[in-house]
Amino acid sequence: MTVGTFEELRQRVTVQAARAGYGLKRNNRPPYGWSLISQGSKEPVKSGGLDHLENWLTEQNSTPEAERKL
């Protein structure tokens, strides 16, 4: 992945996260990667690579809220 491609992915995930009410934080200690954090409590909601988080956010946005709670 080139720097430009990585930066585009990071920006996309940051925007998707903000729209869904999350922040995006880089993990500086093992396990390295990224975390979606709740904006209220600042607690991690989901962690993984940017591509994994992008897929999860897309899935969350396409799933009706009632089904997400099951």
PDB file of N, CA and C in Angstrom:
ATOM      1  N   MET A   1       0.853  -1.163   0.000  1.00  0.00           N
ATOM      2  CA  MET A   1       0.000   0.000   0.000  1.00  0.00           C
ATOM      3  C   MET A   1       0.906   1.235   0.000  1.00  0.00           C
ATOM      4  N   THR A   2       0.664   2.138  -0.895  1.00  0.00           N
ATOM      5  CA  THR A   2       1.466   3.360  -0.962  1.00  0.00           C
ATOM      6  C   THR A   2       0.999   4.353   0.099  1.00  0.00           C
ATOM      7  N   VAL A   3       1.837   5.341   0.366  1.00  0.00           N
ATOM      8  CA  VAL A   3       1.502   6.353   1.370  1.00  0.00           C
ATOM      9  C   VAL A   3       0.211   7.061   0.988  1.00  0.00           C
ATOM     10  N   GLY A   4       0.052   7.409  -0.292  1.00  0.00           N
ATOM     11  CA  GLY A   4      -1.163   8.083  -0.744  1.00  0.00           C
ATOM     12  C   GLY A   4      -2.396   7.230  -0.527  1.00  0.00           C
ATOM     13  N   THR A   5      -2.295   5.952  -0.839  1.00  0.00           N
ATOM     14  CA  THR A   5      -3.413   5.034  -0.671  1.00  0.00           C
ATOM     15  C   THR A   5      -3.747   4.871   0.810  1.00  0.00           C
ATOM     16  N   PHE A   6      -2.716   4.730   1.644  1.00  0.00           N
ATOM     17  CA  PHE A   6      -2.928   4.604   3.085  1.00  0.00           C
ATOM     18  C   PHE A   6      -3.614   5.849   3.638  1.00  0.00           C
ATOM     19  N   GLU A   7      -3.134   7.012   3.236  1.00  0.00           N
ATOM     20  CA  GLU A   7      -3.705   8.263   3.738  1.00  0.00           C
ATOM     21  C   GLU A   7      -5.162   8.411   3.305  1.00  0.00           C
ATOM     22  N   GLU A   8      -5.477   8.015   2.076  1.00  0.00           N
ATOM     23  CA  GLU A   8      -6.862   8.069   1.607  1.00  0.00           C
ATOM     24  C   GLU A   8      -7.751   7.145   2.439  1.00  0.00           C
ATOM     25  N   LEU A   9      -7.250   5.936   2.734  1.00  0.00           N
ATOM     26  CA  LEU A   9      -8.003   4.985   3.548  1.00  0.00           C
ATOM     27  C   LEU A   9      -8.200   5.542   4.955  1.00  0.00           C
ATOM     28  N   ARG A  10      -7.153   6.096   5.542  1.00  0.00           N
ATOM     29  CA  ARG A  10      -7.253   6.663   6.886  1.00  0.00           C
ATOM     30  C   ARG A  10      -8.278   7.789   6.928  1.00  0.00           C
ATOM     31  N   GLN A  11      -8.264   8.634   5.916  1.00  0.00           N
ATOM     32  CA  GLN A  11      -9.222   9.737   5.864  1.00  0.00           C
ATOM     33  C   GLN A  11     -10.654   9.228   5.700  1.00  0.00           C
ATOM     34  N   ARG A  12     -10.843   8.226   4.847  1.00  0.00           N
ATOM     35  CA  ARG A  12     -12.182   7.649   4.645  1.00  0.00           C
ATOM     36  C   ARG A  12     -12.722   7.071   5.951  1.00  0.00           C
ATOM     37  N   VAL A  13     -11.876   6.314   6.648  1.00  0.00           N
ATOM     38  CA  VAL A  13     -12.316   5.694   7.893  1.00  0.00           C
ATOM     39  C   VAL A  13     -12.588   6.761   8.950  1.00  0.00           C
ATOM     40  N   THR A  14     -11.769   7.804   8.998  1.00  0.00           N
ATOM     41  CA  THR A  14     -11.980   8.892   9.950  1.00  0.00           C
ATOM     42  C   THR A  14     -13.339   9.555   9.722  1.00  0.00           C
ATOM     43  N   VAL A  15     -13.679   9.806   8.464  1.00  0.00           N
ATOM     44  CA  VAL A  15     -14.958  10.439   8.134  1.00  0.00           C
ATOM     45  C   VAL A  15     -16.119   9.499   8.461  1.00  0.00           C
ATOM     46  N   GLN A  16     -15.999   8.231   8.072  1.00  0.00           N
ATOM     47  CA  GLN A  16     -17.059   7.259   8.379  1.00  0.00           C
ATOM     48  C   GLN A  16     -17.261   7.138   9.884  1.00  0.00           C
ATOM     49  N   ALA A  17     -16.170   7.089  10.631  1.00  0.00           N
ATOM     50  CA  ALA A  17     -16.251   6.961  12.080  1.00  0.00           C
ATOM     51  C   ALA A  17     -16.957   8.165  12.688  1.00  0.00           C
ATOM     52  N   ALA A  18     -16.587   9.356  12.255  1.00  0.00           N
ATOM     53  CA  ALA A  18     -17.197  10.577  12.792  1.00  0.00           C
ATOM     54  C   ALA A  18     -18.691  10.607  12.499  1.00  0.00           C
ATOM     55  N   ARG A  19     -19.073  10.203  11.299  1.00  0.00           N
ATOM     56  CA  ARG A  19     -20.497  10.179  10.942  1.00  0.00           C
ATOM     57  C   ARG A  19     -21.277   9.194  11.813  1.00  0.00           C
ATOM     58  N   ALA A  20     -20.596   8.132  12.245  1.00  0.00           N
ATOM     59  CA  ALA A  20     -21.250   7.117  13.072  1.00  0.00           C
ATOM     60  C   ALA A  20     -21.131   7.430  14.569  1.00  0.00           C
ATOM     61  N   GLY A  21     -20.467   8.528  14.913  1.00  0.00           N
ATOM     62  CA  GLY A  21     -20.352   8.919  16.312  1.00  0.00           C
ATOM     63  C   GLY A  21     -19.143   8.366  17.034  1.00  0.00           C
ATOM     64  N   TYR A  22     -18.120   7.973  16.270  1.00  0.00           N
ATOM     65  CA  TYR A  22     -16.903   7.421  16.861  1.00  0.00           C
ATOM     66  C   TYR A  22     -15.708   8.302  16.520  1.00  0.00           C
ATOM     67  N   GLY A  23     -14.651   8.123  17.284  1.00  0.00           N
ATOM     68  CA  GLY A  23     -13.367   8.706  16.956  1.00  0.00           C
ATOM     69  C   GLY A  23     -12.450   7.587  16.494  1.00  0.00           C
ATOM     70  N   LEU A  24     -11.350   7.929  15.841  1.00  0.00           N
ATOM     71  CA  LEU A  24     -10.377   6.945  15.381  1.00  0.00           C
ATOM     72  C   LEU A  24      -9.060   7.227  16.080  1.00  0.00           C
ATOM     73  N   LYS A  25      -8.497   6.196  16.690  1.00  0.00           N
ATOM     74  CA  LYS A  25      -7.253   6.353  17.446  1.00  0.00           C
ATOM     75  C   LYS A  25      -6.262   5.279  17.035  1.00  0.00           C
ATOM     76  N   ARG A  26      -5.022   5.688  16.834  1.00  0.00           N
ATOM     77  CA  ARG A  26      -3.949   4.741  16.508  1.00  0.00           C
ATOM     78  C   ARG A  26      -3.427   4.131  17.797  1.00  0.00           C
ATOM     79  N   ASN A  27      -3.255   2.819  17.814  1.00  0.00           N
ATOM     80  CA  ASN A  27      -2.714   2.124  18.980  1.00  0.00           C
ATOM     81  C   ASN A  27      -1.192   2.123  18.896  1.00  0.00           C
ATOM     82  N   ASN A  28      -0.541   2.740  19.857  1.00  0.00           N
ATOM     83  CA  ASN A  28       0.913   2.848  19.847  1.00  0.00           C
ATOM     84  C   ASN A  28       1.608   1.717  20.589  1.00  0.00           C
ATOM     85  N   ARG A  29       0.818   0.846  21.218  1.00  0.00           N
ATOM     86  CA  ARG A  29       1.373  -0.305  21.930  1.00  0.00           C
ATOM     87  C   ARG A  29       0.747  -1.569  21.374  1.00  0.00           C
ATOM     88  N   PRO A  30       1.419  -2.696  21.538  1.00  0.00           N
ATOM     89  CA  PRO A  30       0.834  -3.947  21.055  1.00  0.00           C
ATOM     90  C   PRO A  30      -0.518  -4.206  21.696  1.00  0.00           C
ATOM     91  N   PRO A  31      -1.486  -4.711  21.013  1.00  0.00           N
ATOM     92  CA  PRO A  31      -1.447  -4.970  19.572  1.00  0.00           C
ATOM     93  C   PRO A  31      -1.608  -3.668  18.795  1.00  0.00           C
ATOM     94  N   TYR A  32      -0.694  -3.435  17.880  1.00  0.00           N
ATOM     95  CA  TYR A  32      -0.741  -2.224  17.071  1.00  0.00           C
ATOM     96  C   TYR A  32      -1.954  -2.263  16.160  1.00  0.00           C
ATOM     97  N   GLY A  33      -2.324  -1.145  15.668  1.00  0.00           N
ATOM     98  CA  GLY A  33      -3.489  -1.056  14.799  1.00  0.00           C
ATOM     99  C   GLY A  33      -4.257   0.208  15.120  1.00  0.00           C
ATOM    100  N   TRP A  34      -5.557   0.115  14.989  1.00  0.00           N
ATOM    101  CA  TRP A  34      -6.438   1.276  15.160  1.00  0.00           C
ATOM    102  C   TRP A  34      -7.633   0.870  16.000  1.00  0.00           C
ATOM    103  N   SER A  35      -8.207   1.847  16.684  1.00  0.00           N
ATOM    104  CA  SER A  35      -9.411   1.606  17.469  1.00  0.00           C
ATOM    105  C   SER A  35     -10.451   2.669  17.169  1.00  0.00           C
ATOM    106  N   LEU A  36     -11.689   2.230  17.068  1.00  0.00           N
ATOM    107  CA  LEU A  36     -12.818   3.158  17.053  1.00  0.00           C
ATOM    108  C   LEU A  36     -13.170   3.385  18.506  1.00  0.00           C
ATOM    109  N   ILE A  37     -13.278   4.629  18.917  1.00  0.00           N
ATOM    110  CA  ILE A  37     -13.601   4.931  20.301  1.00  0.00           C
ATOM    111  C   ILE A  37     -14.913   5.703  20.368  1.00  0.00           C
ATOM    112  N   SER A  38     -15.656   5.447  21.424  1.00  0.00           N
ATOM    113  CA  SER A  38     -16.903   6.195  21.612  1.00  0.00           C
ATOM    114  C   SER A  38     -16.542   7.619  21.978  1.00  0.00           C
ATOM    115  N   GLN A  39     -17.270   8.561  21.429  1.00  0.00           N
ATOM    116  CA  GLN A  39     -16.924   9.956  21.674  1.00  0.00           C
ATOM    117  C   GLN A  39     -17.273  10.375  23.089  1.00  0.00           C
ATOM    118  N   GLY A  40     -18.216   9.704  23.727  1.00  0.00           N
ATOM    119  CA  GLY A  40     -18.596  10.069  25.087  1.00  0.00           C
ATOM    120  C   GLY A  40     -17.622   9.547  26.125  1.00  0.00           C
ATOM    121  N   SER A  41     -17.407   8.236  26.149  1.00  0.00           N
ATOM    122  CA  SER A  41     -16.582   7.627  27.186  1.00  0.00           C
ATOM    123  C   SER A  41     -15.127   7.447  26.772  1.00  0.00           C
ATOM    124  N   LYS A  42     -14.836   7.621  25.496  1.00  0.00           N
ATOM    125  CA  LYS A  42     -13.480   7.430  24.963  1.00  0.00           C
ATOM    126  C   LYS A  42     -13.001   5.984  25.086  1.00  0.00           C
ATOM    127  N   GLU A  43     -13.928   5.058  25.257  1.00  0.00           N
ATOM    128  CA  GLU A  43     -13.589   3.636  25.356  1.00  0.00           C
ATOM    129  C   GLU A  43     -13.570   2.999  23.968  1.00  0.00           C
ATOM    130  N   PRO A  44     -12.637   2.052  23.725  1.00  0.00           N
ATOM    131  CA  PRO A  44     -12.618   1.356  22.437  1.00  0.00           C
ATOM    132  C   PRO A  44     -13.890   0.553  22.209  1.00  0.00           C
ATOM    133  N   VAL A  45     -14.412   0.661  20.993  1.00  0.00           N
ATOM    134  CA  VAL A  45     -15.611  -0.069  20.605  1.00  0.00           C
ATOM    135  C   VAL A  45     -15.228  -1.237  19.703  1.00  0.00           C
ATOM    136  N   LYS A  46     -14.269  -1.003  18.819  1.00  0.00           N
ATOM    137  CA  LYS A  46     -13.811  -2.011  17.855  1.00  0.00           C
ATOM    138  C   LYS A  46     -12.367  -1.693  17.515  1.00  0.00           C
ATOM    139  N   SER A  47     -11.537  -2.711  17.361  1.00  0.00           N
ATOM    140  CA  SER A  47     -10.129  -2.504  17.018  1.00  0.00           C
ATOM    141  C   SER A  47      -9.746  -3.388  15.845  1.00  0.00           C
ATOM    142  N   GLY A  48      -8.720  -2.964  15.121  1.00  0.00           N
ATOM    143  CA  GLY A  48      -8.223  -3.748  13.999  1.00  0.00           C
ATOM    144  C   GLY A  48      -7.530  -2.863  12.996  1.00  0.00           C
ATOM    145  N   GLY A  49      -7.280  -3.418  11.838  1.00  0.00           N
ATOM    146  CA  GLY A  49      -6.695  -2.650  10.749  1.00  0.00           C
ATOM    147  C   GLY A  49      -7.716  -1.688  10.166  1.00  0.00           C
ATOM    148  N   LEU A  50      -7.229  -0.694   9.454  1.00  0.00           N
ATOM    149  CA  LEU A  50      -8.130   0.301   8.862  1.00  0.00           C
ATOM    150  C   LEU A  50      -9.135  -0.338   7.914  1.00  0.00           C
ATOM    151  N   ASP A  51      -8.692  -1.315   7.130  1.00  0.00           N
ATOM    152  CA  ASP A  51      -9.608  -1.963   6.184  1.00  0.00           C
ATOM    153  C   ASP A  51     -10.704  -2.726   6.935  1.00  0.00           C
ATOM    154  N   HIS A  52     -10.340  -3.362   8.047  1.00  0.00           N
ATOM    155  CA  HIS A  52     -11.318  -4.075   8.875  1.00  0.00           C
ATOM    156  C   HIS A  52     -12.327  -3.094   9.477  1.00  0.00           C
ATOM    157  N   LEU A  53     -11.836  -1.974   9.986  1.00  0.00           N
ATOM    158  CA  LEU A  53     -12.724  -0.980  10.584  1.00  0.00           C
ATOM    159  C   LEU A  53     -13.628  -0.348   9.534  1.00  0.00           C
ATOM    160  N   GLU A  54     -13.094  -0.115   8.334  1.00  0.00           N
ATOM    161  CA  GLU A  54     -13.918   0.439   7.260  1.00  0.00           C
ATOM    162  C   GLU A  54     -15.056  -0.519   6.916  1.00  0.00           C
ATOM    163  N   ASN A  55     -14.737  -1.797   6.809  1.00  0.00           N
ATOM    164  CA  ASN A  55     -15.776  -2.797   6.515  1.00  0.00           C
ATOM    165  C   ASN A  55     -16.809  -2.864   7.627  1.00  0.00           C
ATOM    166  N   TRP A  56     -16.369  -2.819   8.876  1.00  0.00           N
ATOM    167  CA  TRP A  56     -17.281  -2.876  10.010  1.00  0.00           C
ATOM    168  C   TRP A  56     -18.212  -1.668  10.025  1.00  0.00           C
ATOM    169  N   LEU A  57     -17.658  -0.478   9.790  1.00  0.00           N
ATOM    170  CA  LEU A  57     -18.480   0.731   9.757  1.00  0.00           C
ATOM    171  C   LEU A  57     -19.497   0.680   8.624  1.00  0.00           C
ATOM    172  N   THR A  58     -19.073   0.196   7.466  1.00  0.00           N
ATOM    173  CA  THR A  58     -19.981   0.073   6.329  1.00  0.00           C
ATOM    174  C   THR A  58     -21.106  -0.892   6.666  1.00  0.00           C
ATOM    175  N   GLU A  59     -20.757  -2.009   7.295  1.00  0.00           N
ATOM    176  CA  GLU A  59     -21.758  -2.995   7.693  1.00  0.00           C
ATOM    177  C   GLU A  59     -22.725  -2.404   8.717  1.00  0.00           C
ATOM    178  N   GLN A  60     -22.209  -1.668   9.679  1.00  0.00           N
ATOM    179  CA  GLN A  60     -23.058  -1.051  10.702  1.00  0.00           C
ATOM    180  C   GLN A  60     -24.027  -0.055  10.079  1.00  0.00           C
ATOM    181  N   ASN A  61     -23.565   0.683   9.092  1.00  0.00           N
ATOM    182  CA  ASN A  61     -24.418   1.682   8.448  1.00  0.00           C
ATOM    183  C   ASN A  61     -25.462   1.056   7.542  1.00  0.00           C
ATOM    184  N   SER A  62     -25.246  -0.172   7.098  1.00  0.00           N
ATOM    185  CA  SER A  62     -26.201  -0.816   6.202  1.00  0.00           C
ATOM    186  C   SER A  62     -27.152  -1.752   6.944  1.00  0.00           C
ATOM    187  N   THR A  63     -26.903  -1.981   8.239  1.00  0.00           N
ATOM    188  CA  THR A  63     -27.738  -2.863   9.042  1.00  0.00           C
ATOM    189  C   THR A  63     -28.704  -2.021   9.865  1.00  0.00           C
ATOM    190  N   PRO A  64     -30.005  -2.318   9.799  1.00  0.00           N
ATOM    191  CA  PRO A  64     -30.963  -1.567  10.628  1.00  0.00           C
ATOM    192  C   PRO A  64     -30.584  -1.659  12.112  1.00  0.00           C
ATOM    193  N   GLU A  65     -30.830  -0.583  12.843  1.00  0.00           N
ATOM    194  CA  GLU A  65     -30.414  -0.497  14.251  1.00  0.00           C
ATOM    195  C   GLU A  65     -30.971  -1.638  15.094  1.00  0.00           C
ATOM    196  N   ALA A  66     -32.189  -2.036  14.863  1.00  0.00           N
ATOM    197  CA  ALA A  66     -32.795  -3.118  15.643  1.00  0.00           C
ATOM    198  C   ALA A  66     -32.021  -4.426  15.472  1.00  0.00           C
ATOM    199  N   GLU A  67     -31.526  -4.701  14.273  1.00  0.00           N
ATOM    200  CA  GLU A  67     -30.778  -5.928  14.027  1.00  0.00           C
ATOM    201  C   GLU A  67     -29.404  -5.880  14.679  1.00  0.00           C
ATOM    202  N   ARG A  68     -28.788  -4.706  14.797  1.00  0.00           N
ATOM    203  CA  ARG A  68     -27.457  -4.570  15.398  1.00  0.00           C
ATOM    204  C   ARG A  68     -27.468  -4.963  16.866  1.00  0.00           C
ATOM    205  N   LYS A  69     -28.597  -4.803  17.530  1.00  0.00           N
ATOM    206  CA  LYS A  69     -28.678  -5.079  18.959  1.00  0.00           C
ATOM    207  C   LYS A  69     -28.879  -6.559  19.244  1.00  0.00           C
ATOM    208  N   LEU A  70     -29.166  -7.363  18.227  1.00  0.00           N
ATOM    209  CA  LEU A  70     -29.391  -8.796  18.431  1.00  0.00           C
ATOM    210  C   LEU A  70     -28.101  -9.538  18.640  1.00  0.00           C
TER     211      LEU A  70
END
